[in-house]
């Protein structure tokens, strides 16, 4: 499979998973979307995650539950960028906000696409809720 095909499949799946359009990955501007169930999305567990974040090719994509949407749009989008969102200080601030709703950061995973795409990585984060 050629790198362009891998990139195309990756972006198509991310668009489904993060409730956005494939064309949204053409820019590096941070994007905040509202979460919703979509056919074909990847869910690794049968639990709801009120916040999912992804960095991909210099872009930060945030998919938020209704309760967090305004905060993500007004705080995370304006104060965080893809390279810095997963730094410890950022994660501590995000976790502090989540705890207001009885949630916490559960995991952050680092995945890389094939090496032929230097410095192209993705990070996923999920949040556990106590609701």
N, C-alpha and C. Protein backbone atom coordinates (compact mmCIF):
# COMPACT_ATOMS: atom_id res chain seq x y z
N UNK A 1 0.85 -1.18 0.00
CA UNK A 1 0.00 0.00 0.00
C UNK A 1 0.89 1.24 0.00
N UNK A 2 0.57 2.17 -0.84
CA UNK A 2 1.34 3.40 -0.93
C UNK A 2 0.98 4.33 0.22
N UNK A 3 1.91 5.22 0.53
CA UNK A 3 1.72 6.13 1.65
C UNK A 3 0.49 7.02 1.46
N UNK A 4 0.20 7.40 0.23
CA UNK A 4 -0.97 8.22 -0.04
C UNK A 4 -2.26 7.46 0.27
N UNK A 5 -2.26 6.16 -0.02
CA UNK A 5 -3.43 5.33 0.29
C UNK A 5 -3.60 5.18 1.80
N UNK A 6 -2.50 5.00 2.51
CA UNK A 6 -2.55 4.89 3.97
C UNK A 6 -3.08 6.19 4.56
N UNK A 7 -2.56 7.29 4.08
CA UNK A 7 -3.01 8.61 4.56
C UNK A 7 -4.50 8.82 4.29
N UNK A 8 -4.95 8.44 3.10
CA UNK A 8 -6.35 8.60 2.72
C UNK A 8 -7.26 7.75 3.62
N UNK A 9 -6.89 6.50 3.85
CA UNK A 9 -7.68 5.63 4.72
C UNK A 9 -7.69 6.13 6.16
N UNK A 10 -6.54 6.60 6.62
CA UNK A 10 -6.42 7.12 7.98
C UNK A 10 -7.32 8.33 8.17
N UNK A 11 -7.26 9.27 7.26
CA UNK A 11 -8.07 10.49 7.37
C UNK A 11 -9.56 10.18 7.25
N UNK A 12 -9.92 9.24 6.40
CA UNK A 12 -11.34 8.86 6.28
C UNK A 12 -11.84 8.27 7.60
N UNK A 13 -11.04 7.43 8.24
CA UNK A 13 -11.47 6.84 9.51
C UNK A 13 -11.51 7.89 10.62
N UNK A 14 -10.52 8.76 10.67
CA UNK A 14 -10.53 9.83 11.68
C UNK A 14 -11.76 10.72 11.52
N UNK A 15 -12.14 11.00 10.28
CA UNK A 15 -13.33 11.84 10.04
C UNK A 15 -14.57 11.18 10.63
N UNK A 16 -14.68 9.88 10.52
CA UNK A 16 -15.81 9.16 11.11
C UNK A 16 -15.71 9.19 12.63
N UNK A 17 -14.53 8.88 13.15
CA UNK A 17 -14.33 8.77 14.60
C UNK A 17 -14.50 10.11 15.32
N UNK A 18 -14.12 11.21 14.67
CA UNK A 18 -14.12 12.51 15.34
C UNK A 18 -15.20 13.46 14.80
N UNK A 19 -16.15 12.91 14.04
CA UNK A 19 -17.31 13.67 13.58
C UNK A 19 -16.91 14.93 12.80
N UNK A 20 -16.07 14.74 11.81
CA UNK A 20 -15.65 15.86 10.97
C UNK A 20 -15.57 15.39 9.52
N UNK A 21 -15.08 16.23 8.66
CA UNK A 21 -14.93 15.90 7.24
C UNK A 21 -13.46 15.62 6.92
N UNK A 22 -13.22 14.80 5.94
CA UNK A 22 -11.85 14.51 5.52
C UNK A 22 -11.11 15.79 5.17
N UNK A 23 -11.79 16.73 4.54
CA UNK A 23 -11.13 17.99 4.14
C UNK A 23 -10.64 18.79 5.36
N UNK A 24 -11.20 18.52 6.54
CA UNK A 24 -10.74 19.21 7.75
C UNK A 24 -9.27 18.92 8.05
N UNK A 25 -8.73 17.83 7.53
CA UNK A 25 -7.34 17.48 7.77
C UNK A 25 -6.37 18.19 6.82
N UNK A 26 -6.89 19.03 5.95
CA UNK A 26 -6.05 19.77 5.03
C UNK A 26 -5.36 20.95 5.69
N UNK A 27 -5.85 21.39 6.84
CA UNK A 27 -5.23 22.51 7.56
C UNK A 27 -4.72 22.02 8.91
N UNK A 28 -3.93 22.85 9.55
CA UNK A 28 -3.45 22.52 10.89
C UNK A 28 -4.21 23.27 11.98
N UNK A 29 -5.28 23.97 11.60
CA UNK A 29 -6.08 24.70 12.58
C UNK A 29 -6.79 23.72 13.51
N UNK A 30 -6.76 24.01 14.80
CA UNK A 30 -7.43 23.16 15.79
C UNK A 30 -8.92 23.11 15.50
N UNK A 31 -9.48 21.91 15.61
CA UNK A 31 -10.89 21.69 15.32
C UNK A 31 -11.57 21.08 16.55
N UNK A 32 -12.71 21.64 16.94
CA UNK A 32 -13.52 21.09 18.03
C UNK A 32 -14.84 20.64 17.43
N UNK A 33 -15.22 19.39 17.70
CA UNK A 33 -16.48 18.87 17.20
C UNK A 33 -17.33 18.35 18.36
N UNK A 34 -18.61 18.25 18.11
CA UNK A 34 -19.52 17.66 19.09
C UNK A 34 -19.55 16.16 18.86
N UNK A 35 -19.49 15.42 19.95
CA UNK A 35 -19.54 13.97 19.81
C UNK A 35 -20.91 13.51 19.39
N UNK A 36 -20.92 12.47 18.58
CA UNK A 36 -22.16 11.78 18.24
C UNK A 36 -21.79 10.40 17.72
N UNK A 37 -22.69 9.48 17.87
CA UNK A 37 -22.48 8.12 17.38
C UNK A 37 -22.60 8.14 15.86
N UNK A 38 -21.66 7.47 15.20
CA UNK A 38 -21.64 7.43 13.74
C UNK A 38 -21.36 6.01 13.30
N UNK A 39 -22.06 5.55 12.29
CA UNK A 39 -21.81 4.21 11.75
C UNK A 39 -20.36 4.13 11.28
N UNK A 40 -19.68 3.07 11.64
CA UNK A 40 -18.30 2.86 11.22
C UNK A 40 -17.26 3.42 12.16
N UNK A 41 -17.68 4.10 13.23
CA UNK A 41 -16.69 4.65 14.17
C UNK A 41 -16.01 3.51 14.92
N UNK A 42 -14.80 3.79 15.39
CA UNK A 42 -14.07 2.80 16.18
C UNK A 42 -14.30 3.10 17.66
N UNK A 43 -14.82 2.17 18.36
CA UNK A 43 -14.96 2.26 19.81
C UNK A 43 -14.26 1.05 20.38
N UNK A 44 -13.27 1.30 21.20
CA UNK A 44 -12.46 0.21 21.72
C UNK A 44 -13.09 -0.45 22.94
N UNK A 45 -14.00 0.22 23.60
CA UNK A 45 -14.74 -0.33 24.72
C UNK A 45 -16.17 0.17 24.62
N UNK A 46 -17.06 -0.49 25.30
CA UNK A 46 -18.47 -0.10 25.24
C UNK A 46 -18.76 0.94 26.31
N UNK A 47 -17.96 1.95 26.39
CA UNK A 47 -18.17 3.02 27.36
C UNK A 47 -18.17 4.35 26.62
N UNK A 48 -18.85 5.29 27.19
CA UNK A 48 -18.86 6.61 26.59
C UNK A 48 -17.64 7.38 27.04
N UNK A 49 -17.02 8.06 26.13
CA UNK A 49 -15.88 8.92 26.43
C UNK A 49 -16.32 10.36 26.18
N UNK A 50 -16.40 11.18 27.20
CA UNK A 50 -16.88 12.55 27.01
C UNK A 50 -15.89 13.45 26.28
N UNK A 51 -14.64 13.00 26.13
CA UNK A 51 -13.64 13.80 25.45
C UNK A 51 -12.67 12.87 24.74
N UNK A 52 -12.48 13.10 23.47
CA UNK A 52 -11.48 12.37 22.69
C UNK A 52 -10.66 13.40 21.94
N UNK A 53 -9.35 13.23 21.96
CA UNK A 53 -8.46 14.19 21.31
C UNK A 53 -7.47 13.45 20.42
N UNK A 54 -7.12 14.09 19.33
CA UNK A 54 -6.23 13.49 18.35
C UNK A 54 -5.29 14.55 17.82
N UNK A 55 -4.02 14.21 17.72
CA UNK A 55 -3.11 15.05 16.94
C UNK A 55 -2.69 14.24 15.73
N UNK A 56 -2.73 14.89 14.57
CA UNK A 56 -2.42 14.21 13.33
C UNK A 56 -1.86 15.23 12.35
N UNK A 57 -0.63 15.02 11.93
CA UNK A 57 0.03 15.89 10.96
C UNK A 57 -0.06 17.37 11.34
N UNK A 58 0.16 17.66 12.61
CA UNK A 58 0.19 19.04 13.07
C UNK A 58 -1.17 19.62 13.42
N UNK A 59 -2.22 18.82 13.36
CA UNK A 59 -3.58 19.28 13.64
C UNK A 59 -4.06 18.65 14.95
N UNK A 60 -4.75 19.45 15.75
CA UNK A 60 -5.39 18.97 16.97
C UNK A 60 -6.89 18.89 16.71
N UNK A 61 -7.47 17.72 16.92
CA UNK A 61 -8.91 17.52 16.76
C UNK A 61 -9.45 17.09 18.12
N UNK A 62 -10.48 17.78 18.57
CA UNK A 62 -11.10 17.52 19.87
C UNK A 62 -12.57 17.21 19.64
N UNK A 63 -13.01 16.05 20.10
CA UNK A 63 -14.41 15.67 20.02
C UNK A 63 -14.94 15.65 21.44
N UNK A 64 -15.91 16.52 21.72
CA UNK A 64 -16.36 16.74 23.10
C UNK A 64 -17.85 16.49 23.28
N UNK A 65 -18.19 15.99 24.47
CA UNK A 65 -19.58 15.89 24.87
C UNK A 65 -20.14 17.30 25.02
N UNK A 66 -21.44 17.42 24.97
CA UNK A 66 -22.10 18.73 25.06
C UNK A 66 -21.61 19.54 26.25
N UNK A 67 -21.45 18.90 27.41
CA UNK A 67 -21.05 19.61 28.63
C UNK A 67 -19.68 20.27 28.50
N UNK A 68 -18.82 19.70 27.68
CA UNK A 68 -17.45 20.20 27.55
C UNK A 68 -17.22 21.02 26.29
N UNK A 69 -18.19 21.02 25.38
CA UNK A 69 -17.97 21.64 24.08
C UNK A 69 -17.55 23.11 24.18
N UNK A 70 -18.29 23.92 24.91
CA UNK A 70 -17.96 25.35 25.00
C UNK A 70 -16.58 25.57 25.61
N UNK A 71 -16.24 24.81 26.64
CA UNK A 71 -14.93 24.95 27.27
C UNK A 71 -13.83 24.56 26.28
N UNK A 72 -14.05 23.50 25.53
CA UNK A 72 -13.06 23.09 24.53
C UNK A 72 -12.89 24.16 23.45
N UNK A 73 -14.01 24.70 23.00
CA UNK A 73 -13.99 25.73 21.95
C UNK A 73 -13.32 27.02 22.45
N UNK A 74 -13.63 27.42 23.67
CA UNK A 74 -13.15 28.70 24.19
C UNK A 74 -11.82 28.62 24.92
N UNK A 75 -11.44 27.46 25.39
CA UNK A 75 -10.19 27.34 26.15
C UNK A 75 -9.16 26.50 25.40
N UNK A 76 -9.48 25.24 25.18
CA UNK A 76 -8.49 24.37 24.54
C UNK A 76 -8.12 24.85 23.13
N UNK A 77 -9.12 25.18 22.35
CA UNK A 77 -8.86 25.60 20.97
C UNK A 77 -7.99 26.85 20.92
N UNK A 78 -8.20 27.77 21.86
CA UNK A 78 -7.47 29.03 21.84
C UNK A 78 -6.12 28.95 22.54
N UNK A 79 -5.96 28.01 23.47
CA UNK A 79 -4.74 27.97 24.27
C UNK A 79 -3.83 26.78 23.99
N UNK A 80 -4.29 25.81 23.21
CA UNK A 80 -3.50 24.60 22.97
C UNK A 80 -3.36 24.35 21.48
N UNK A 81 -2.22 23.81 21.10
CA UNK A 81 -1.98 23.40 19.73
C UNK A 81 -1.56 21.94 19.74
N UNK A 82 -1.55 21.33 18.58
CA UNK A 82 -1.20 19.91 18.48
C UNK A 82 0.12 19.57 19.17
N UNK A 83 1.19 20.34 18.95
CA UNK A 83 2.47 19.95 19.57
C UNK A 83 2.47 20.05 21.10
N UNK A 84 1.59 20.86 21.67
CA UNK A 84 1.64 21.12 23.11
C UNK A 84 0.48 20.54 23.90
N UNK A 85 -0.54 20.07 23.27
CA UNK A 85 -1.74 19.65 23.99
C UNK A 85 -1.52 18.45 24.90
N UNK A 86 -0.58 17.60 24.57
CA UNK A 86 -0.36 16.39 25.37
C UNK A 86 0.83 16.50 26.30
N UNK A 87 1.31 17.71 26.51
CA UNK A 87 2.35 17.93 27.52
C UNK A 87 1.72 17.81 28.90
N UNK A 88 2.53 17.51 29.90
CA UNK A 88 2.01 17.25 31.25
C UNK A 88 1.15 18.40 31.78
N UNK A 89 1.61 19.63 31.64
CA UNK A 89 0.84 20.78 32.17
C UNK A 89 -0.53 20.88 31.50
N UNK A 90 -0.60 20.62 30.21
CA UNK A 90 -1.88 20.65 29.51
C UNK A 90 -2.80 19.55 30.00
N UNK A 91 -2.26 18.36 30.13
CA UNK A 91 -3.07 17.23 30.59
C UNK A 91 -3.58 17.44 32.01
N UNK A 92 -2.77 18.05 32.86
CA UNK A 92 -3.20 18.35 34.23
C UNK A 92 -4.38 19.32 34.21
N UNK A 93 -4.31 20.35 33.38
CA UNK A 93 -5.41 21.31 33.27
C UNK A 93 -6.67 20.67 32.72
N UNK A 94 -6.52 19.81 31.73
CA UNK A 94 -7.67 19.11 31.16
C UNK A 94 -8.28 18.19 32.21
N UNK A 95 -7.45 17.46 32.92
CA UNK A 95 -7.94 16.55 33.96
C UNK A 95 -8.68 17.33 35.06
N UNK A 96 -8.17 18.48 35.42
CA UNK A 96 -8.82 19.32 36.44
C UNK A 96 -10.24 19.71 35.99
N UNK A 97 -10.38 20.08 34.73
CA UNK A 97 -11.70 20.44 34.20
C UNK A 97 -12.62 19.21 34.18
N UNK A 98 -12.10 18.09 33.76
CA UNK A 98 -12.91 16.87 33.69
C UNK A 98 -13.43 16.45 35.06
N UNK A 99 -12.64 16.66 36.07
CA UNK A 99 -13.04 16.27 37.43
C UNK A 99 -14.25 17.07 37.92
N UNK A 100 -14.47 18.25 37.37
CA UNK A 100 -15.67 19.02 37.71
C UNK A 100 -16.94 18.26 37.34
N UNK A 101 -16.83 17.35 36.39
CA UNK A 101 -17.97 16.57 35.91
C UNK A 101 -17.91 15.11 36.37
N UNK A 102 -16.96 14.79 37.22
CA UNK A 102 -16.83 13.42 37.70
C UNK A 102 -16.07 12.50 36.75
N UNK A 103 -15.33 13.08 35.81
CA UNK A 103 -14.54 12.31 34.86
C UNK A 103 -13.07 12.51 35.16
N UNK A 104 -12.24 11.72 34.49
CA UNK A 104 -10.79 11.88 34.60
C UNK A 104 -10.15 11.35 33.32
N UNK A 105 -8.93 11.76 33.07
CA UNK A 105 -8.19 11.21 31.94
C UNK A 105 -7.89 9.76 32.25
N UNK A 106 -8.15 8.92 31.29
CA UNK A 106 -7.90 7.50 31.47
C UNK A 106 -6.57 7.11 30.82
N UNK A 107 -6.46 7.33 29.51
CA UNK A 107 -5.26 6.91 28.80
C UNK A 107 -4.93 7.87 27.68
N UNK A 108 -3.66 7.92 27.35
CA UNK A 108 -3.20 8.62 26.15
C UNK A 108 -2.27 7.65 25.44
N UNK A 109 -2.53 7.41 24.18
CA UNK A 109 -1.74 6.46 23.40
C UNK A 109 -1.02 7.19 22.28
N UNK A 110 0.16 6.77 21.99
CA UNK A 110 0.95 7.32 20.90
C UNK A 110 1.08 6.25 19.82
N UNK A 111 0.66 6.58 18.61
CA UNK A 111 0.77 5.68 17.48
C UNK A 111 1.47 6.42 16.34
N UNK A 112 2.18 5.68 15.53
CA UNK A 112 2.87 6.27 14.39
C UNK A 112 2.40 5.62 13.11
N UNK A 113 2.30 6.40 12.06
CA UNK A 113 2.07 5.87 10.73
C UNK A 113 3.41 5.37 10.20
N UNK A 114 3.45 4.73 9.05
CA UNK A 114 4.72 4.18 8.53
C UNK A 114 5.84 5.20 8.50
N UNK A 115 7.04 4.69 8.67
CA UNK A 115 8.23 5.54 8.78
C UNK A 115 8.48 6.41 7.55
N UNK A 116 7.92 6.06 6.43
CA UNK A 116 8.12 6.86 5.22
C UNK A 116 7.48 8.23 5.33
N UNK A 117 6.72 8.45 6.42
CA UNK A 117 6.13 9.76 6.69
C UNK A 117 6.80 10.30 7.95
N UNK A 118 7.98 10.91 7.83
CA UNK A 118 8.71 11.34 9.01
C UNK A 118 7.92 12.30 9.89
N UNK A 119 8.03 12.08 11.20
CA UNK A 119 7.42 12.93 12.21
C UNK A 119 5.91 13.00 12.11
N UNK A 120 5.29 12.00 11.54
CA UNK A 120 3.83 11.97 11.46
C UNK A 120 3.35 11.01 12.53
N UNK A 121 2.71 11.52 13.52
CA UNK A 121 2.21 10.67 14.59
C UNK A 121 0.80 11.06 14.95
N UNK A 122 0.16 10.19 15.69
CA UNK A 122 -1.17 10.49 16.19
C UNK A 122 -1.19 10.11 17.66
N UNK A 123 -1.94 10.85 18.43
CA UNK A 123 -2.12 10.56 19.84
C UNK A 123 -3.61 10.53 20.11
N UNK A 124 -4.05 9.51 20.80
CA UNK A 124 -5.46 9.41 21.18
C UNK A 124 -5.54 9.48 22.70
N UNK A 125 -6.59 10.11 23.20
CA UNK A 125 -6.82 10.16 24.62
C UNK A 125 -8.27 9.82 24.88
N UNK A 126 -8.53 9.07 25.92
CA UNK A 126 -9.91 8.83 26.29
C UNK A 126 -10.09 9.17 27.76
N UNK A 127 -11.31 9.46 28.12
CA UNK A 127 -11.63 9.90 29.47
C UNK A 127 -12.64 8.92 30.04
N UNK A 128 -12.42 8.53 31.29
CA UNK A 128 -13.38 7.69 31.98
C UNK A 128 -14.32 8.55 32.79
N UNK A 129 -15.56 8.18 32.84
CA UNK A 129 -16.53 8.90 33.63
C UNK A 129 -17.00 8.07 34.81
N UNK A 130 -17.40 8.73 35.85
CA UNK A 130 -17.94 8.05 37.02
C UNK A 130 -19.45 8.18 37.09
N UNK A 131 -20.04 8.65 36.02
CA UNK A 131 -21.49 8.88 36.02
C UNK A 131 -22.25 7.58 35.96
